[in-house]
PDB file of N, CA and C in Angstrom:
ATOM      1  N   UNK A   1      35.211 -76.865 -75.588  1.00  0.00           N
ATOM      2  CA  UNK A   1      35.729 -75.809 -76.680  1.00  0.00           C
ATOM      3  C   UNK A   1      35.506 -74.261 -75.878  1.00  0.00           C
ATOM      4  N   UNK A   2      36.650 -73.727 -76.424  1.00  0.00           N
ATOM      5  CA  UNK A   2      36.893 -72.233 -75.903  1.00  0.00           C
ATOM      6  C   UNK A   2      35.957 -70.892 -77.212  1.00  0.00           C
ATOM      7  N   UNK A   3      36.172 -70.289 -76.535  1.00  0.00           N
ATOM      8  CA  UNK A   3      35.062 -69.168 -77.516  1.00  0.00           C
ATOM      9  C   UNK A   3      36.133 -68.015 -77.109  1.00  0.00           C
ATOM     10  N   UNK A   4      35.684 -67.002 -78.552  1.00  0.00           N
ATOM     11  CA  UNK A   4      36.874 -65.737 -77.992  1.00  0.00           C
ATOM     12  C   UNK A   4      36.237 -65.176 -79.198  1.00  0.00           C
ATOM     13  N   UNK A   5      35.832 -63.522 -78.582  1.00  0.00           N
ATOM     14  CA  UNK A   5      35.535 -62.689 -79.554  1.00  0.00           C
ATOM     15  C   UNK A   5      36.283 -61.989 -80.284  1.00  0.00           C
ATOM     16  N   UNK A   6      35.732 -60.984 -81.738  1.00  0.00           N
ATOM     17  CA  UNK A   6      37.308 -60.886 -82.409  1.00  0.00           C
ATOM     18  C   UNK A   6      37.837 -60.003 -81.543  1.00  0.00           C
ATOM     19  N   UNK A   7      36.847 -59.012 -80.833  1.00  0.00           N
ATOM     20  CA  UNK A   7      38.070 -57.613 -80.551  1.00  0.00           C
ATOM     21  C   UNK A   7      39.048 -58.394 -79.232  1.00  0.00           C
ATOM     22  N   UNK A   8      38.818 -59.201 -78.903  1.00  0.00           N
ATOM     23  CA  UNK A   8      40.283 -60.546 -77.633  1.00  0.00           C
ATOM     24  C   UNK A   8      41.420 -60.362 -79.476  1.00  0.00           C
ATOM     25  N   UNK A   9      40.384 -61.518 -79.434  1.00  0.00           N
ATOM     26  CA  UNK A   9      41.365 -62.210 -80.858  1.00  0.00           C
ATOM     27  C   UNK A   9      42.199 -61.022 -81.128  1.00  0.00           C
ATOM     28  N   UNK A  10      42.197 -60.091 -82.070  1.00  0.00           N
ATOM     29  CA  UNK A  10      43.019 -58.733 -82.399  1.00  0.00           C
ATOM     30  C   UNK A  10      44.173 -58.439 -81.243  1.00  0.00           C
ATOM     31  N   UNK A  11      43.357 -58.232 -79.394  1.00  0.00           N
ATOM     32  CA  UNK A  11      43.954 -58.019 -78.214  1.00  0.00           C
ATOM     33  C   UNK A  11      44.952 -59.024 -77.922  1.00  0.00           C
ATOM     34  N   UNK A  12      44.803 -60.221 -78.000  1.00  0.00           N
ATOM     35  CA  UNK A  12      45.237 -60.766 -77.414  1.00  0.00           C
ATOM     36  C   UNK A  12      45.780 -62.136 -78.091  1.00  0.00           C
ATOM     37  N   UNK A  13      46.217 -61.954 -79.400  1.00  0.00           N
ATOM     38  CA  UNK A  13      46.245 -63.696 -80.008  1.00  0.00           C
ATOM     39  C   UNK A  13      46.578 -64.797 -79.780  1.00  0.00           C
ATOM     40  N   UNK A  14      48.339 -64.348 -78.830  1.00  0.00           N
ATOM     41  CA  UNK A  14      48.603 -65.785 -78.868  1.00  0.00           C
ATOM     42  C   UNK A  14      47.548 -66.023 -77.714  1.00  0.00           C
ATOM     43  N   UNK A  15      46.346 -66.169 -76.936  1.00  0.00           N
ATOM     44  CA  UNK A  15      46.008 -66.289 -75.749  1.00  0.00           C
ATOM     45  C   UNK A  15      44.794 -67.316 -76.795  1.00  0.00           C
ATOM     46  N   UNK A  16      44.455 -67.180 -77.906  1.00  0.00           N
ATOM     47  CA  UNK A  16      43.579 -67.972 -78.684  1.00  0.00           C
ATOM     48  C   UNK A  16      44.685 -68.777 -79.715  1.00  0.00           C
ATOM     49  N   UNK A  17      45.113 -68.669 -79.423  1.00  0.00           N
ATOM     50  CA  UNK A  17      46.565 -69.640 -79.941  1.00  0.00           C
ATOM     51  C   UNK A  17      46.618 -70.797 -79.531  1.00  0.00           C
ATOM     52  N   UNK A  18      47.253 -70.571 -77.873  1.00  0.00           N
ATOM     53  CA  UNK A  18      47.135 -71.195 -76.894  1.00  0.00           C
ATOM     54  C   UNK A  18      46.493 -72.141 -76.374  1.00  0.00           C
ATOM     55  N   UNK A  19      45.004 -71.543 -76.686  1.00  0.00           N
ATOM     56  CA  UNK A  19      43.570 -71.982 -76.807  1.00  0.00           C
ATOM     57  C   UNK A  19      43.832 -73.028 -77.252  1.00  0.00           C
ATOM     58  N   UNK A  20      44.256 -72.702 -78.732  1.00  0.00           N
ATOM     59  CA  UNK A  20      43.806 -73.504 -80.085  1.00  0.00           C
ATOM     60  C   UNK A  20      44.970 -75.098 -80.401  1.00  0.00           C
ATOM     61  N   UNK A  21      45.763 -74.756 -78.972  1.00  0.00           N
ATOM     62  CA  UNK A  21      46.757 -76.040 -78.667  1.00  0.00           C
ATOM     63  C   UNK A  21      46.342 -77.225 -77.940  1.00  0.00           C
ATOM     64  N   UNK A  22      45.486 -76.425 -77.278  1.00  0.00           N
ATOM     65  CA  UNK A  22      44.429 -77.643 -76.532  1.00  0.00           C
ATOM     66  C   UNK A  22      42.856 -77.993 -76.857  1.00  0.00           C
ATOM     67  N   UNK A  23      42.511 -76.971 -77.382  1.00  0.00           N
ATOM     68  CA  UNK A  23      40.927 -77.617 -77.677  1.00  0.00           C
ATOM     69  C   UNK A  23      40.803 -76.538 -79.058  1.00  0.00           C
ATOM     70  N   UNK A  24      38.899 -76.803 -79.777  1.00  0.00           N
ATOM     71  CA  UNK A  24      38.900 -75.745 -80.599  1.00  0.00           C
ATOM     72  C   UNK A  24      38.511 -74.850 -80.420  1.00  0.00           C
ATOM     73  N   UNK A  25      39.048 -73.371 -80.938  1.00  0.00           N
ATOM     74  CA  UNK A  25      38.221 -72.421 -80.267  1.00  0.00           C
ATOM     75  C   UNK A  25      37.018 -71.756 -81.575  1.00  0.00           C
ATOM     76  N   UNK A  26      36.545 -71.241 -80.890  1.00  0.00           N
ATOM     77  CA  UNK A  26      35.395 -70.967 -81.641  1.00  0.00           C
ATOM     78  C   UNK A  26      35.739 -68.889 -81.873  1.00  0.00           C
ATOM     79  N   UNK A  27      35.504 -68.646 -82.406  1.00  0.00           N
ATOM     80  CA  UNK A  27      35.629 -66.972 -83.107  1.00  0.00           C
ATOM     81  C   UNK A  27      34.421 -67.012 -82.898  1.00  0.00           C
ATOM     82  N   UNK A  28      33.809 -65.475 -81.918  1.00  0.00           N
ATOM     83  CA  UNK A  28      32.340 -65.037 -82.472  1.00  0.00           C
ATOM     84  C   UNK A  28      32.587 -63.384 -82.641  1.00  0.00           C
ATOM     85  N   UNK A  29      32.023 -63.489 -83.702  1.00  0.00           N
ATOM     86  CA  UNK A  29      31.896 -62.185 -84.551  1.00  0.00           C
ATOM     87  C   UNK A  29      30.467 -61.068 -84.088  1.00  0.00           C
ATOM     88  N   UNK A  30      29.531 -60.169 -83.172  1.00  0.00           N
ATOM     89  CA  UNK A  30      29.422 -59.389 -82.836  1.00  0.00           C
ATOM     90  C   UNK A  30      27.894 -60.747 -82.484  1.00  0.00           C
ATOM     91  N   UNK A  31      28.246 -62.143 -81.482  1.00  0.00           N
ATOM     92  CA  UNK A  31      27.307 -63.046 -80.647  1.00  0.00           C
ATOM     93  C   UNK A  31      27.018 -63.768 -81.969  1.00  0.00           C
ATOM     94  N   UNK A  32      27.757 -63.883 -82.859  1.00  0.00           N
ATOM     95  CA  UNK A  32      27.174 -64.544 -84.165  1.00  0.00           C
ATOM     96  C   UNK A  32      28.764 -65.679 -84.356  1.00  0.00           C
ATOM     97  N   UNK A  33      28.872 -66.970 -84.335  1.00  0.00           N
ATOM     98  CA  UNK A  33      29.775 -68.058 -84.995  1.00  0.00           C
ATOM     99  C   UNK A  33      30.782 -67.316 -85.638  1.00  0.00           C
ATOM    100  N   UNK A  34      32.002 -67.051 -86.346  1.00  0.00           N
ATOM    101  CA  UNK A  34      32.249 -66.768 -87.200  1.00  0.00           C
ATOM    102  C   UNK A  34      33.252 -67.825 -87.756  1.00  0.00           C
ATOM    103  N   UNK A  35      34.063 -68.234 -86.742  1.00  0.00           N
ATOM    104  CA  UNK A  35      35.195 -68.659 -87.454  1.00  0.00           C
ATOM    105  C   UNK A  35      35.815 -69.606 -86.467  1.00  0.00           C
ATOM    106  N   UNK A  36      36.542 -70.565 -87.094  1.00  0.00           N
ATOM    107  CA  UNK A  36      37.332 -71.848 -85.616  1.00  0.00           C
ATOM    108  C   UNK A  36      38.400 -72.387 -86.142  1.00  0.00           C
ATOM    109  N   UNK A  37      38.546 -71.984 -84.721  1.00  0.00           N
ATOM    110  CA  UNK A  37      40.211 -72.582 -84.926  1.00  0.00           C
ATOM    111  C   UNK A  37      40.724 -73.542 -84.504  1.00  0.00           C
ATOM    112  N   UNK A  38      41.414 -74.002 -84.911  1.00  0.00           N
ATOM    113  CA  UNK A  38      41.863 -75.511 -84.937  1.00  0.00           C
ATOM    114  C   UNK A  38      43.459 -75.778 -84.642  1.00  0.00           C
ATOM    115  N   UNK A  39      44.059 -75.732 -83.371  1.00  0.00           N
ATOM    116  CA  UNK A  39      45.702 -76.237 -83.611  1.00  0.00           C
ATOM    117  C   UNK A  39      45.549 -77.665 -84.434  1.00  0.00           C
ATOM    118  N   UNK A  40      46.762 -77.031 -85.234  1.00  0.00           N
ATOM    119  CA  UNK A  40      47.302 -77.876 -86.038  1.00  0.00           C
ATOM    120  C   UNK A  40      47.393 -79.407 -85.992  1.00  0.00           C
ATOM    121  N   UNK A  41      48.987 -79.259 -85.047  1.00  0.00           N
ATOM    122  CA  UNK A  41      48.904 -80.479 -83.901  1.00  0.00           C
ATOM    123  C   UNK A  41      48.207 -80.997 -83.296  1.00  0.00           C
ATOM    124  N   UNK A  42      46.694 -80.597 -82.708  1.00  0.00           N
ATOM    125  CA  UNK A  42      45.922 -81.429 -82.731  1.00  0.00           C
ATOM    126  C   UNK A  42      45.247 -82.724 -83.546  1.00  0.00           C
ATOM    127  N   UNK A  43      45.563 -82.878 -84.843  1.00  0.00           N
ATOM    128  CA  UNK A  43      44.687 -83.461 -85.563  1.00  0.00           C
ATOM    129  C   UNK A  43      45.781 -84.721 -86.645  1.00  0.00           C
ATOM    130  N   UNK A  44      46.985 -83.531 -86.328  1.00  0.00           N
ATOM    131  CA  UNK A  44      47.847 -84.570 -86.519  1.00  0.00           C
ATOM    132  C   UNK A  44      48.101 -83.956 -88.764  1.00  0.00           C
ATOM    133  N   UNK A  45      47.346 -83.378 -88.547  1.00  0.00           N
ATOM    134  CA  UNK A  45      47.036 -83.165 -90.416  1.00  0.00           C
ATOM    135  C   UNK A  45      48.277 -82.942 -91.116  1.00  0.00           C
ATOM    136  N   UNK A  46      49.946 -82.605 -90.555  1.00  0.00           N
ATOM    137  CA  UNK A  46      50.526 -82.089 -90.980  1.00  0.00           C
ATOM    138  C   UNK A  46      51.565 -83.471 -91.038  1.00  0.00           C
ATOM    139  N   UNK A  47      50.919 -84.686 -90.688  1.00  0.00           N
ATOM    140  CA  UNK A  47      51.435 -86.250 -90.267  1.00  0.00           C
ATOM    141  C   UNK A  47      51.123 -86.772 -92.043  1.00  0.00           C
ATOM    142  N   UNK A  48      50.029 -86.078 -92.513  1.00  0.00           N
ATOM    143  CA  UNK A  48      49.478 -86.571 -93.465  1.00  0.00           C
ATOM    144  C   UNK A  48      50.438 -86.593 -94.014  1.00  0.00           C
ATOM    145  N   UNK A  49      50.348 -87.490 -94.914  1.00  0.00           N
ATOM    146  CA  UNK A  49      51.297 -87.933 -96.710  1.00  0.00           C
ATOM    147  C   UNK A  49      50.539 -87.037 -97.531  1.00  0.00           C
ATOM    148  N   UNK A  50      51.695 -85.682 -97.975  1.00  0.00           N
ATOM    149  CA  UNK A  50      51.641 -84.883 -99.220  1.00  0.00           C
ATOM    150  C   UNK A  50      51.243 -83.381 -98.238  1.00  0.00           C
ATOM    151  N   UNK A  51      50.491 -83.563 -97.213  1.00  0.00           N
ATOM    152  CA  UNK A  51      50.521 -81.818 -96.567  1.00  0.00           C
ATOM    153  C   UNK A  51      50.995 -80.792 -96.280  1.00  0.00           C
ATOM    154  N   UNK A  52      52.476 -81.750 -96.169  1.00  0.00           N
ATOM    155  CA  UNK A  52      53.426 -80.279 -95.969  1.00  0.00           C
ATOM    156  C   UNK A  52      53.788 -79.516 -97.244  1.00  0.00           C
ATOM    157  N   UNK A  53      54.275 -80.875 -98.158  1.00  0.00           N
ATOM    158  CA  UNK A  53      54.621 -80.292 -98.964  1.00  0.00           C
ATOM    159  C   UNK A  53      53.330 -79.367-100.143  1.00  0.00           C
ATOM    160  N   UNK A  54      52.401 -79.889 -99.856  1.00  0.00           N
ATOM    161  CA  UNK A  54      50.950 -79.188-100.704  1.00  0.00           C
ATOM    162  C   UNK A  54      50.536 -77.764 -99.352  1.00  0.00           C
ATOM    163  N   UNK A  55      50.995 -78.009 -98.231  1.00  0.00           N
ATOM    164  CA  UNK A  55      51.284 -76.343 -97.392  1.00  0.00           C
ATOM    165  C   UNK A  55      52.138 -75.786 -98.037  1.00  0.00           C
ATOM    166  N   UNK A  56      53.182 -76.142 -97.872  1.00  0.00           N
ATOM    167  CA  UNK A  56      54.595 -75.180 -98.439  1.00  0.00           C
ATOM    168  C   UNK A  56      54.942 -74.463 -99.546  1.00  0.00           C
ATOM    169  N   UNK A  57      53.783 -75.368-100.409  1.00  0.00           N
ATOM    170  CA  UNK A  57      54.114 -74.695-101.872  1.00  0.00           C
ATOM    171  C   UNK A  57      53.264 -73.708-101.570  1.00  0.00           C
ATOM    172  N   UNK A  58      51.754 -73.979-101.367  1.00  0.00           N
ATOM    173  CA  UNK A  58      50.527 -72.885-101.585  1.00  0.00           C
ATOM    174  C   UNK A  58      51.377 -71.590-101.109  1.00  0.00           C
ATOM    175  N   UNK A  59      51.627 -71.195 -99.762  1.00  0.00           N
ATOM    176  CA  UNK A  59      52.561 -70.483 -98.958  1.00  0.00           C
ATOM    177  C   UNK A  59      54.089 -70.192-100.284  1.00  0.00           C
ATOM    178  N   UNK A  60      54.511 -70.691-100.363  1.00  0.00           N
ATOM    179  CA  UNK A  60      55.186 -70.072-101.608  1.00  0.00           C
ATOM    180  C   UNK A  60      54.789 -69.229-102.317  1.00  0.00           C
ATOM    181  N   UNK A  61      53.960 -70.394-103.139  1.00  0.00           N
ATOM    182  CA  UNK A  61      53.726 -69.227-104.232  1.00  0.00           C
ATOM    183  C   UNK A  61      53.052 -68.158-104.018  1.00  0.00           C
ATOM    184  N   UNK A  62      52.315 -68.421-103.103  1.00  0.00           N
ATOM    185  CA  UNK A  62      51.386 -66.864-102.260  1.00  0.00           C
ATOM    186  C   UNK A  62      52.419 -65.990-102.094  1.00  0.00           C
ATOM    187  N   UNK A  63      53.970 -65.779-101.902  1.00  0.00           N
ATOM    188  CA  UNK A  63      54.867 -64.886-101.233  1.00  0.00           C
ATOM    189  C   UNK A  63      54.796 -65.008 -99.740  1.00  0.00           C
ATOM    190  N   UNK A  64      53.342 -65.498 -99.253  1.00  0.00           N
ATOM    191  CA  UNK A  64      53.660 -65.858 -97.427  1.00  0.00           C
ATOM    192  C   UNK A  64      55.147 -66.276 -96.603  1.00  0.00           C
ATOM    193  N   UNK A  65      55.785 -67.429 -97.254  1.00  0.00           N
ATOM    194  CA  UNK A  65      57.347 -68.102 -97.583  1.00  0.00           C
ATOM    195  C   UNK A  65      58.271 -67.613 -98.012  1.00  0.00           C
ATOM    196  N   UNK A  66      59.509 -67.615 -97.235  1.00  0.00           N
ATOM    197  CA  UNK A  66      60.777 -67.619 -98.340  1.00  0.00           C
ATOM    198  C   UNK A  66      61.118 -69.154 -99.171  1.00  0.00           C
ATOM    199  N   UNK A  67      61.359 -69.413-100.199  1.00  0.00           N
ATOM    200  CA  UNK A  67      62.179 -70.214-100.477  1.00  0.00           C
ATOM    201  C   UNK A  67      62.304 -71.647 -99.392  1.00  0.00           C
ATOM    202  N   UNK A  68      63.324 -70.708 -98.722  1.00  0.00           N
ATOM    203  CA  UNK A  68      64.303 -71.910 -98.206  1.00  0.00           C
ATOM    204  C   UNK A  68      63.224 -71.802 -96.616  1.00  0.00           C
ATOM    205  N   UNK A  69      62.075 -71.267 -96.391  1.00  0.00           N
ATOM    206  CA  UNK A  69      61.368 -71.384 -95.063  1.00  0.00           C
ATOM    207  C   UNK A  69      60.249 -72.344 -95.470  1.00  0.00           C
ATOM    208  N   UNK A  70      59.965 -72.529 -96.997  1.00  0.00           N
ATOM    209  CA  UNK A  70      59.027 -73.319 -97.833  1.00  0.00           C
ATOM    210  C   UNK A  70      59.848 -74.211 -98.083  1.00  0.00           C
ATOM    211  N   UNK A  71      61.091 -74.737 -97.390  1.00  0.00           N
ATOM    212  CA  UNK A  71      61.077 -76.504 -98.019  1.00  0.00           C
ATOM    213  C   UNK A  71      61.645 -77.327 -96.246  1.00  0.00           C
ATOM    214  N   UNK A  72      61.439 -76.043 -95.726  1.00  0.00           N
ATOM    215  CA  UNK A  72      62.087 -76.515 -93.981  1.00  0.00           C
ATOM    216  C   UNK A  72      60.775 -76.988 -94.019  1.00  0.00           C
ATOM    217  N   UNK A  73      59.591 -76.155 -94.351  1.00  0.00           N
ATOM    218  CA  UNK A  73      58.074 -76.335 -93.733  1.00  0.00           C
ATOM    219  C   UNK A  73      57.819 -78.027 -95.009  1.00  0.00           C
ATOM    220  N   UNK A  74      58.383 -77.940 -96.097  1.00  0.00           N
ATOM    221  CA  UNK A  74      58.006 -79.543 -96.718  1.00  0.00           C
ATOM    222  C   UNK A  74      58.922 -80.384 -96.232  1.00  0.00           C
ATOM    223  N   UNK A  75      59.895 -80.064 -95.093  1.00  0.00           N
ATOM    224  CA  UNK A  75      60.928 -81.394 -94.939  1.00  0.00           C
ATOM    225  C   UNK A  75      61.508 -81.578 -96.095  1.00  0.00           C
ATOM    226  N   UNK A  76      61.445 -80.690 -96.899  1.00  0.00           N
ATOM    227  CA  UNK A  76      62.576 -81.344 -98.254  1.00  0.00           C
ATOM    228  C   UNK A  76      63.611 -80.255 -98.429  1.00  0.00           C
ATOM    229  N   UNK A  77      64.733 -80.263 -98.983  1.00  0.00           N
ATOM    230  CA  UNK A  77      66.201 -79.898 -98.999  1.00  0.00           C
ATOM    231  C   UNK A  77      65.941 -78.620 -99.845  1.00  0.00           C
ATOM    232  N   UNK A  78      66.789 -77.709 -99.798  1.00  0.00           N
ATOM    233  CA  UNK A  78      65.911 -76.663-100.656  1.00  0.00           C
ATOM    234  C   UNK A  78      66.441 -77.053-102.429  1.00  0.00           C
ATOM    235  N   UNK A  79      67.116 -77.771-102.530  1.00  0.00           N
ATOM    236  CA  UNK A  79      67.305 -78.112-104.243  1.00  0.00           C
ATOM    237  C   UNK A  79      65.809 -79.261-104.582  1.00  0.00           C
ATOM    238  N   UNK A  80      65.964 -79.881-103.669  1.00  0.00           N
ATOM    239  CA  UNK A  80      64.601 -80.919-103.541  1.00  0.00           C
ATOM    240  C   UNK A  80      63.354 -79.755-104.074  1.00  0.00           C
ATOM    241  N   UNK A  81      63.116 -79.199-102.995  1.00  0.00           N
ATOM    242  CA  UNK A  81      62.200 -77.844-103.028  1.00  0.00           C
ATOM    243  C   UNK A  81      62.042 -77.348-104.106  1.00  0.00           C
ATOM    244  N   UNK A  82      63.523 -76.573-104.963  1.00  0.00           N
ATOM    245  CA  UNK A  82      63.295 -76.006-106.203  1.00  0.00           C
ATOM    246  C   UNK A  82      63.075 -76.679-107.051  1.00  0.00           C
ATOM    247  N   UNK A  83      63.181 -77.908-106.736  1.00  0.00           N
ATOM    248  CA  UNK A  83      62.964 -79.150-108.177  1.00  0.00           C
ATOM    249  C   UNK A  83      61.374 -79.351-108.613  1.00  0.00           C
ATOM    250  N   UNK A  84      60.739 -79.225-107.222  1.00  0.00           N
ATOM    251  CA  UNK A  84      59.304 -79.676-106.833  1.00  0.00           C
ATOM    252  C   UNK A  84      58.678 -78.451-107.847  1.00  0.00           C
ATOM    253  N   UNK A  85      58.958 -77.496-107.140  1.00  0.00           N
ATOM    254  CA  UNK A  85      58.221 -76.575-107.551  1.00  0.00           C
ATOM    255  C   UNK A  85      57.986 -75.796-108.989  1.00  0.00           C
ATOM    256  N   UNK A  86      59.306 -76.188-109.555  1.00  0.00           N
ATOM    257  CA  UNK A  86      59.180 -75.944-110.830  1.00  0.00           C
ATOM    258  C   UNK A  86      58.999 -77.092-111.704  1.00  0.00           C
ATOM    259  N   UNK A  87      58.879 -78.380-111.104  1.00  0.00           N
ATOM    260  CA  UNK A  87      57.867 -79.004-112.566  1.00  0.00           C
ATOM    261  C   UNK A  87      56.229 -78.573-111.883  1.00  0.00           C
ATOM    262  N   UNK A  88      56.434 -77.576-111.366  1.00  0.00           N
ATOM    263  CA  UNK A  88      54.754 -77.375-110.773  1.00  0.00           C
ATOM    264  C   UNK A  88      54.419 -75.690-111.402  1.00  0.00           C
ATOM    265  N   UNK A  89      55.576 -75.516-112.393  1.00  0.00           N
ATOM    266  CA  UNK A  89      55.730 -74.134-112.831  1.00  0.00           C
ATOM    267  C   UNK A  89      55.245 -72.995-111.827  1.00  0.00           C
ATOM    268  N   UNK A  90      55.759 -73.027-111.210  1.00  0.00           N
ATOM    269  CA  UNK A  90      55.999 -71.878-109.683  1.00  0.00           C
ATOM    270  C   UNK A  90      57.447 -71.579-110.431  1.00  0.00           C
ATOM    271  N   UNK A  91      57.460 -69.825-110.356  1.00  0.00           N
ATOM    272  CA  UNK A  91      58.433 -69.503-110.934  1.00  0.00           C
ATOM    273  C   UNK A  91      59.630 -69.520-109.804  1.00  0.00           C
ATOM    274  N   UNK A  92      60.880 -69.851-109.366  1.00  0.00           N
ATOM    275  CA  UNK A  92      61.329 -69.643-108.231  1.00  0.00           C
ATOM    276  C   UNK A  92      62.279 -68.780-108.185  1.00  0.00           C
ATOM    277  N   UNK A  93      62.141 -67.457-109.204  1.00  0.00           N
ATOM    278  CA  UNK A  93      63.051 -66.396-109.045  1.00  0.00           C
ATOM    279  C   UNK A  93      61.665 -65.978-109.968  1.00  0.00           C
ATOM    280  N   UNK A  94      61.450 -64.482-108.822  1.00  0.00           N
ATOM    281  CA  UNK A  94      60.142 -63.977-109.778  1.00  0.00           C
ATOM    282  C   UNK A  94      61.123 -62.046-110.456  1.00  0.00           C
ATOM    283  N   UNK A  95      61.243 -61.934-111.324  1.00  0.00           N
ATOM    284  CA  UNK A  95      62.724 -60.460-111.666  1.00  0.00           C
ATOM    285  C   UNK A  95      61.448 -60.110-113.213  1.00  0.00           C
ATOM    286  N   UNK A  96      62.044 -58.879-113.079  1.00  0.00           N
ATOM    287  CA  UNK A  96      61.916 -58.487-114.692  1.00  0.00           C
ATOM    288  C   UNK A  96      62.804 -58.204-115.284  1.00  0.00           C
ATOM    289  N   UNK A  97      63.158 -57.833-116.652  1.00  0.00           N
ATOM    290  CA  UNK A  97      64.203 -58.648-117.652  1.00  0.00           C
ATOM    291  C   UNK A  97      65.072 -57.463-117.169  1.00  0.00           C
ATOM    292  N   UNK A  98      64.506 -55.882-117.043  1.00  0.00           N
ATOM    293  CA  UNK A  98      65.069 -55.081-116.383  1.00  0.00           C
ATOM    294  C   UNK A  98      66.209 -55.110-114.620  1.00  0.00           C
ATOM    295  N   UNK A  99      65.359 -56.204-113.919  1.00  0.00           N
ATOM    296  CA  UNK A  99      66.222 -56.392-112.871  1.00  0.00           C
ATOM    297  C   UNK A  99      67.395 -57.468-112.970  1.00  0.00           C
ATOM    298  N   UNK A 100      67.008 -58.187-114.063  1.00  0.00           N
ATOM    299  CA  UNK A 100      67.948 -59.332-114.276  1.00  0.00           C
ATOM    300  C   UNK A 100      69.089 -58.261-115.204  1.00  0.00           C
ATOM    301  N   UNK A 101      68.461 -57.825-116.045  1.00  0.00           N
ATOM    302  CA  UNK A 101      70.216 -57.172-116.107  1.00  0.00           C
ATOM    303  C   UNK A 101      70.563 -56.498-115.529  1.00  0.00           C
ATOM    304  N   UNK A 102      70.371 -55.907-114.655  1.00  0.00           N
ATOM    305  CA  UNK A 102      71.099 -55.003-113.522  1.00  0.00           C
ATOM    306  C   UNK A 102      71.993 -55.734-113.176  1.00  0.00           C
ATOM    307  N   UNK A 103      71.255 -57.552-112.249  1.00  0.00           N
ATOM    308  CA  UNK A 103      72.566 -58.344-112.151  1.00  0.00           C
ATOM    309  C   UNK A 103      73.268 -59.178-112.432  1.00  0.00           C
ATOM    310  N   UNK A 104      73.101 -59.382-114.078  1.00  0.00           N
ATOM    311  CA  UNK A 104      74.051 -59.666-114.499  1.00  0.00           C
ATOM    312  C   UNK A 104      75.162 -58.871-114.864  1.00  0.00           C
ATOM    313  N   UNK A 105      74.691 -57.184-114.895  1.00  0.00           N
ATOM    314  CA  UNK A 105      75.641 -56.615-115.216  1.00  0.00           C
ATOM    315  C   UNK A 105      76.391 -56.242-114.225  1.00  0.00           C
ATOM    316  N   UNK A 106      76.265 -56.700-112.638  1.00  0.00           N
ATOM    317  CA  UNK A 106      76.436 -56.355-111.554  1.00  0.00           C
ATOM    318  C   UNK A 106      77.771 -57.342-111.182  1.00  0.00           C
ATOM    319  N   UNK A 107      77.035 -58.726-112.265  1.00  0.00           N
ATOM    320  CA  UNK A 107      78.213 -60.230-111.848  1.00  0.00           C
ATOM    321  C   UNK A 107      79.017 -59.753-112.432  1.00  0.00           C
ATOM    322  N   UNK A 108      78.938 -58.890-114.110  1.00  0.00           N
ATOM    323  CA  UNK A 108      80.341 -59.186-114.365  1.00  0.00           C
ATOM    324  C   UNK A 108      81.202 -57.761-114.134  1.00  0.00           C
ATOM    325  N   UNK A 109      80.625 -56.889-113.450  1.00  0.00           N
ATOM    326  CA  UNK A 109      81.081 -55.868-112.519  1.00  0.00           C
ATOM    327  C   UNK A 109      82.430 -56.801-111.974  1.00  0.00           C
ATOM    328  N   UNK A 110      81.473 -57.685-110.894  1.00  0.00           N
ATOM    329  CA  UNK A 110      82.367 -58.634-109.692  1.00  0.00           C
ATOM    330  C   UNK A 110      83.348 -59.397-110.748  1.00  0.00           C
ATOM    331  N   UNK A 111      82.756 -60.014-111.429  1.00  0.00           N
ATOM    332  CA  UNK A 111      83.845 -60.670-111.979  1.00  0.00           C
ATOM    333  C   UNK A 111      85.236 -59.758-112.800  1.00  0.00           C
ATOM    334  N   UNK A 112      85.504 -58.702-113.284  1.00  0.00           N
ATOM    335  CA  UNK A 112      86.502 -57.863-113.837  1.00  0.00           C
ATOM    336  C   UNK A 112      87.288 -57.112-112.115  1.00  0.00           C
ATOM    337  N   UNK A 113      86.950 -57.353-111.749  1.00  0.00           N
ATOM    338  CA  UNK A 113      87.408 -56.861-110.703  1.00  0.00           C
ATOM    339  C   UNK A 113      88.027 -57.498-109.831  1.00  0.00           C
TER     340      UNK A 113
END
């Protein structure tokens, strides 16, 4: 197991990530253990049933990943991922009524030309 402190994590996060691919990394904050980093491929966590889909869904819902990247992470087609999040009540498009109207106006102008 490796140990890094918070300041070295801020200055060189790639080193801690490289260590985490090989073994667990303990993050120290003022000489006290604060967090534990475990490389996701060490535990084969992503290969467990449902984990990829759950992670992708959560990251999409929270706005951390786009719809397309979430579908890739879940190993699903875009259409299947859209159906999946829609079944869960997660909106695929998040627009105000004014933004939808503006899009419709733009579409009408484009179709008229």
